[in-house]
Amino acid sequence: MLAVLWTAETPRTPSQVHEELDAGLSYKTIHTILTRLHEKGLVQRVTHAGRSCYAAARDSAQEAADRMRAVLESGRDRRAILQRFVNTLRPADERALRALFNEDPPK
């Protein structure tokens, strides 16, 4: 469901999410899930074109980073977790990560 909102150029109504998701779920189920995502702070409820709509609260990259940080913080040996994570990266991803460390930090 978040994937629909992440790729949308504008906020989506529950009906639009239902249509675009095409997951065999009822409209009521989609509306309930959107409401729960809103309660958890994962989506924002906004008015767009005079209608109640939903938009992702964070982009997909931020959501993934938040999940990765939560996993890291839940472990006892952060260094071991990071080491094993890096050891499982594809070579291109490892190069990208190393390049990030060589950049100047944001000011």
C-alpha atoms as a PDB file:
ATOM      1  CA  MET A   1       0.000   0.000   0.000  1.00  0.00           C
ATOM      2  CA  LEU A   2       2.835   2.379   0.793  1.00  0.00           C
ATOM      3  CA  ALA A   3       4.357   1.532  -2.579  1.00  0.00           C
ATOM      4  CA  VAL A   4       1.284   3.010  -4.272  1.00  0.00           C
ATOM      5  CA  LEU A   5       1.671   6.219  -2.289  1.00  0.00           C
ATOM      6  CA  TRP A   6       5.440   6.392  -2.833  1.00  0.00           C
ATOM      7  CA  THR A   7       5.039   6.241  -6.613  1.00  0.00           C
ATOM      8  CA  ALA A   8       2.060   8.587  -6.808  1.00  0.00           C
ATOM      9  CA  GLU A   9       2.712  12.148  -7.928  1.00  0.00           C
ATOM     10  CA  THR A  10      -0.216  13.432  -5.867  1.00  0.00           C
ATOM     11  CA  PRO A  11      -2.024  12.238  -2.737  1.00  0.00           C
ATOM     12  CA  ARG A  12      -4.446   9.366  -3.383  1.00  0.00           C
ATOM     13  CA  THR A  13      -7.988   8.733  -2.223  1.00  0.00           C
ATOM     14  CA  PRO A  14      -8.780   5.349  -0.713  1.00  0.00           C
ATOM     15  CA  SER A  15     -10.630   4.526  -3.950  1.00  0.00           C
ATOM     16  CA  GLN A  16      -7.566   5.342  -6.035  1.00  0.00           C
ATOM     17  CA  VAL A  17      -5.338   3.259  -3.768  1.00  0.00           C
ATOM     18  CA  HIS A  18      -7.839   0.395  -4.015  1.00  0.00           C
ATOM     19  CA  GLU A  19      -7.840   0.624  -7.797  1.00  0.00           C
ATOM     20  CA  GLU A  20      -4.058   0.974  -8.169  1.00  0.00           C
ATOM     21  CA  LEU A  21      -3.184  -1.712  -5.620  1.00  0.00           C
ATOM     22  CA  ASP A  22      -5.202  -4.388  -7.376  1.00  0.00           C
ATOM     23  CA  ALA A  23      -4.582  -6.846  -4.522  1.00  0.00           C
ATOM     24  CA  GLY A  24      -8.034  -8.390  -4.285  1.00  0.00           C
ATOM     25  CA  LEU A  25      -8.761  -6.489  -1.069  1.00  0.00           C
ATOM     26  CA  SER A  26     -12.078  -4.809  -0.425  1.00  0.00           C
ATOM     27  CA  TYR A  27     -12.402  -1.032  -0.372  1.00  0.00           C
ATOM     28  CA  LYS A  28     -13.251  -1.217   3.339  1.00  0.00           C
ATOM     29  CA  THR A  29     -10.034  -3.147   4.043  1.00  0.00           C
ATOM     30  CA  ILE A  30      -7.974  -0.577   2.116  1.00  0.00           C
ATOM     31  CA  HIS A  31      -9.623   2.259   4.050  1.00  0.00           C
ATOM     32  CA  THR A  32      -8.986   0.491   7.366  1.00  0.00           C
ATOM     33  CA  ILE A  33      -5.317  -0.098   6.516  1.00  0.00           C
ATOM     34  CA  LEU A  34      -4.861   3.532   5.470  1.00  0.00           C
ATOM     35  CA  THR A  35      -6.443   4.657   8.741  1.00  0.00           C
ATOM     36  CA  ARG A  36      -4.080   2.430  10.741  1.00  0.00           C
ATOM     37  CA  LEU A  37      -1.058   3.624   8.752  1.00  0.00           C
ATOM     38  CA  HIS A  38      -2.171   7.182   9.521  1.00  0.00           C
ATOM     39  CA  GLU A  39      -2.430   6.388  13.243  1.00  0.00           C
ATOM     40  CA  LYS A  40       1.127   5.001  13.134  1.00  0.00           C
ATOM     41  CA  GLY A  41       2.413   8.136  11.395  1.00  0.00           C
ATOM     42  CA  LEU A  42       3.334   6.334   8.178  1.00  0.00           C
ATOM     43  CA  VAL A  43       0.858   8.246   6.033  1.00  0.00           C
ATOM     44  CA  GLN A  44      -0.613  11.724   6.202  1.00  0.00           C
ATOM     45  CA  ARG A  45      -4.279  12.505   5.653  1.00  0.00           C
ATOM     46  CA  VAL A  46      -4.579  15.588   3.457  1.00  0.00           C
ATOM     47  CA  THR A  47      -7.180  17.387   1.406  1.00  0.00           C
ATOM     48  CA  HIS A  48      -6.382  17.358  -2.299  1.00  0.00           C
ATOM     49  CA  ALA A  49      -8.743  18.653  -4.975  1.00  0.00           C
ATOM     50  CA  GLY A  50     -11.435  18.937  -2.299  1.00  0.00           C
ATOM     51  CA  ARG A  51     -11.211  15.268  -1.306  1.00  0.00           C
ATOM     52  CA  SER A  52      -9.764  13.435   1.671  1.00  0.00           C
ATOM     53  CA  CYS A  53      -6.580  11.747   0.476  1.00  0.00           C
ATOM     54  CA  TYR A  54      -3.484  10.031   1.773  1.00  0.00           C
ATOM     55  CA  ALA A  55       0.196  10.636   1.113  1.00  0.00           C
ATOM     56  CA  ALA A  56       3.259   8.832   2.425  1.00  0.00           C
ATOM     57  CA  ALA A  57       4.742  10.598   5.443  1.00  0.00           C
ATOM     58  CA  ARG A  58       8.280   9.624   4.373  1.00  0.00           C
ATOM     59  CA  ASP A  59       9.744   8.495   1.089  1.00  0.00           C
ATOM     60  CA  SER A  60      10.704   4.859   0.565  1.00  0.00           C
ATOM     61  CA  ALA A  61      14.412   5.515   1.181  1.00  0.00           C
ATOM     62  CA  GLN A  62      13.712   7.104   4.568  1.00  0.00           C
ATOM     63  CA  GLU A  63      11.354   4.282   5.518  1.00  0.00           C
ATOM     64  CA  ALA A  64      14.007   1.680   4.654  1.00  0.00           C
ATOM     65  CA  ALA A  65      16.682   3.613   6.565  1.00  0.00           C
ATOM     66  CA  ASP A  66      14.400   3.819   9.610  1.00  0.00           C
ATOM     67  CA  ARG A  67      13.837   0.045   9.518  1.00  0.00           C
ATOM     68  CA  MET A  68      17.557  -0.631   9.146  1.00  0.00           C
ATOM     69  CA  ARG A  69      18.332   1.642  12.102  1.00  0.00           C
ATOM     70  CA  ALA A  70      15.661  -0.081  14.225  1.00  0.00           C
ATOM     71  CA  VAL A  71      17.210  -3.484  13.506  1.00  0.00           C
ATOM     72  CA  LEU A  72      20.665  -2.161  14.350  1.00  0.00           C
ATOM     73  CA  GLU A  73      19.423  -0.646  17.605  1.00  0.00           C
ATOM     74  CA  SER A  74      17.651  -3.852  18.624  1.00  0.00           C
ATOM     75  CA  GLY A  75      20.844  -5.917  18.543  1.00  0.00           C
ATOM     76  CA  ARG A  76      23.447  -6.272  21.252  1.00  0.00           C
ATOM     77  CA  ASP A  77      26.557  -6.241  19.067  1.00  0.00           C
ATOM     78  CA  ARG A  78      26.195  -3.351  16.635  1.00  0.00           C
ATOM     79  CA  ARG A  79      29.648  -3.913  15.128  1.00  0.00           C
ATOM     80  CA  ALA A  80      28.868  -7.560  14.317  1.00  0.00           C
ATOM     81  CA  ILE A  81      25.526  -6.599  12.790  1.00  0.00           C
ATOM     82  CA  LEU A  82      27.158  -3.951  10.599  1.00  0.00           C
ATOM     83  CA  GLN A  83      29.962  -6.298   9.594  1.00  0.00           C
ATOM     84  CA  ARG A  84      27.570  -9.052   8.558  1.00  0.00           C
ATOM     85  CA  PHE A  85      25.382  -6.558   6.719  1.00  0.00           C
ATOM     86  CA  VAL A  86      28.334  -5.218   4.729  1.00  0.00           C
ATOM     87  CA  ASN A  87      29.525  -8.761   3.994  1.00  0.00           C
ATOM     88  CA  THR A  88      26.169  -9.540   2.355  1.00  0.00           C
ATOM     89  CA  LEU A  89      26.139  -6.499   0.071  1.00  0.00           C
ATOM     90  CA  ARG A  90      26.505  -6.832  -3.666  1.00  0.00           C
ATOM     91  CA  PRO A  91      29.805  -5.360  -4.875  1.00  0.00           C
ATOM     92  CA  ALA A  92      28.088  -2.318  -6.429  1.00  0.00           C
ATOM     93  CA  ASP A  93      26.228  -1.598  -3.160  1.00  0.00           C
ATOM     94  CA  GLU A  94      29.442  -1.939  -1.161  1.00  0.00           C
ATOM     95  CA  ARG A  95      31.193   0.507  -3.516  1.00  0.00           C
ATOM     96  CA  ALA A  96      28.287   2.953  -3.119  1.00  0.00           C
ATOM     97  CA  LEU A  97      28.483   2.683   0.663  1.00  0.00           C
ATOM     98  CA  ARG A  98      32.259   3.210   0.633  1.00  0.00           C
ATOM     99  CA  ALA A  99      31.815   6.246  -1.635  1.00  0.00           C
ATOM    100  CA  LEU A 100      29.349   7.723   0.859  1.00  0.00           C
ATOM    101  CA  PHE A 101      31.973   7.467   3.594  1.00  0.00           C
ATOM    102  CA  ASN A 102      34.466   9.337   1.407  1.00  0.00           C
ATOM    103  CA  GLU A 103      32.097  12.268   0.837  1.00  0.00           C
ATOM    104  CA  ASP A 104      32.285  15.395   2.954  1.00  0.00           C
ATOM    105  CA  PRO A 105      29.720  15.265   5.763  1.00  0.00           C
ATOM    106  CA  PRO A 106      26.690  17.566   5.409  1.00  0.00           C
ATOM    107  CA  LYS A 107      27.047  20.960   7.083  1.00  0.00           C
END
